[in-house]
Amino acid sequence: MIRVLAIAILVSLLGTGSAVAQGSCAARALGEDGKPLAGAARTSFMKKCCEASALDKEGKPLEGAAKTSYLEKCESAFTVPEERG
C-alpha cells in the first residue's frame, strides 16, 4: 500500500514539472534594477527561458509538436494584457 502511494506521489510531482518551470520563468523576468521586465525585453527573456525548460519527464529536450505546444503554453501563460483606453 505504501509503495502504491509513493508511486502516485512521484507521478504527480513529475506532471507538475512544466508548470513549475513556467512559473520560475515569470518569476525570474526581472531587470538589473529588480523591476519586472516589460515589452520586447520580457518577450525575449520568456522565449529563451521557455525554450530552455522544454524538457520531457526524463529530462530530454522536447521535439516537434510537443515542443511547439509547450512553448505556446509557456509563453502565453505569462503575457501581460495590454491596457485598453
Protein backbone atom coordinates (compact mmCIF):
# COMPACT_ATOMS: atom_id res chain seq x y z
CA MET A 1 0.00 0.00 0.00
CA ILE A 2 2.82 2.39 0.84
CA ARG A 3 4.54 1.57 -2.45
CA VAL A 4 1.40 2.50 -4.41
CA LEU A 5 1.10 5.78 -2.51
CA ALA A 6 4.77 6.60 -3.11
CA ILE A 7 4.42 5.91 -6.85
CA ALA A 8 1.29 8.06 -7.04
CA ILE A 9 3.10 10.96 -5.36
CA LEU A 10 6.10 10.59 -7.65
CA VAL A 11 3.95 10.58 -10.79
CA SER A 12 2.05 13.67 -9.65
CA LEU A 13 5.29 15.53 -8.96
CA LEU A 14 6.67 14.70 -12.42
CA GLY A 15 3.49 16.01 -14.03
CA THR A 16 3.81 19.40 -12.36
CA GLY A 17 7.37 19.95 -13.58
CA SER A 18 6.41 22.03 -16.61
CA ALA A 19 4.09 24.23 -14.56
CA VAL A 20 6.89 24.89 -12.10
CA ALA A 21 9.27 25.69 -14.93
CA GLN A 22 6.81 28.16 -16.42
CA GLY A 23 6.35 29.84 -13.05
CA SER A 24 10.05 30.17 -12.49
CA CYS A 25 10.48 31.84 -15.89
CA ALA A 26 7.97 34.53 -14.97
CA ALA A 27 9.47 34.94 -11.51
CA ARG A 28 12.96 35.44 -12.96
CA ALA A 29 11.82 38.00 -15.56
CA LEU A 30 13.37 40.92 -13.68
CA GLY A 31 15.71 43.63 -14.84
CA GLU A 32 19.01 44.56 -13.18
CA ASP A 33 17.16 47.13 -11.06
CA GLY A 34 14.80 44.45 -9.71
CA LYS A 35 11.77 45.71 -11.63
CA PRO A 36 9.76 43.34 -13.83
CA LEU A 37 10.77 43.27 -17.49
CA ALA A 38 8.30 44.69 -20.00
CA GLY A 39 7.83 44.79 -23.74
CA ALA A 40 10.43 43.29 -26.04
CA ALA A 41 12.83 42.51 -23.19
CA ARG A 42 10.18 40.41 -21.42
CA THR A 43 9.19 38.66 -24.64
CA SER A 44 12.79 37.79 -25.44
CA PHE A 45 13.50 36.59 -21.90
CA MET A 46 10.36 34.45 -21.73
CA LYS A 47 11.09 32.87 -25.13
CA LYS A 48 14.65 31.91 -24.12
CA CYS A 49 13.56 30.68 -20.69
CA CYS A 50 10.67 28.61 -22.07
CA GLU A 51 12.90 27.03 -24.72
CA ALA A 52 15.46 26.10 -22.06
CA SER A 53 12.78 24.50 -19.87
CA ALA A 54 11.12 22.49 -22.69
CA LEU A 55 12.07 19.07 -21.33
CA ASP A 56 10.16 15.81 -21.02
CA LYS A 57 9.78 13.81 -17.81
CA GLU A 58 13.15 12.15 -18.36
CA GLY A 59 14.95 15.46 -18.85
CA LYS A 60 15.34 15.10 -22.62
CA PRO A 61 14.53 18.08 -24.89
CA LEU A 62 11.03 18.07 -26.37
CA GLU A 63 10.72 17.82 -30.14
CA GLY A 64 8.10 18.51 -32.81
CA ALA A 65 4.50 19.14 -31.85
CA ALA A 66 5.15 18.55 -28.14
CA LYS A 67 7.77 21.32 -28.09
CA THR A 68 5.57 23.69 -30.08
CA SER A 69 2.63 23.11 -27.76
CA TYR A 70 4.77 23.55 -24.65
CA LEU A 71 6.31 26.80 -25.93
CA GLU A 72 2.90 28.25 -26.81
CA LYS A 73 1.54 27.46 -23.36
CA CYS A 74 4.64 28.68 -21.56
CA GLU A 75 4.93 31.97 -23.44
CA SER A 76 1.21 32.78 -23.41
CA ALA A 77 0.70 31.89 -19.75
CA PHE A 78 2.59 34.95 -18.62
CA THR A 79 1.80 37.60 -21.19
CA VAL A 80 0.69 40.88 -19.75
CA PRO A 81 -2.63 42.01 -21.24
CA GLU A 82 -2.45 45.38 -22.97
CA GLU A 83 -4.37 48.25 -21.43
CA ARG A 84 -7.40 49.40 -23.34
CA GLY A 85 -8.11 53.09 -23.47
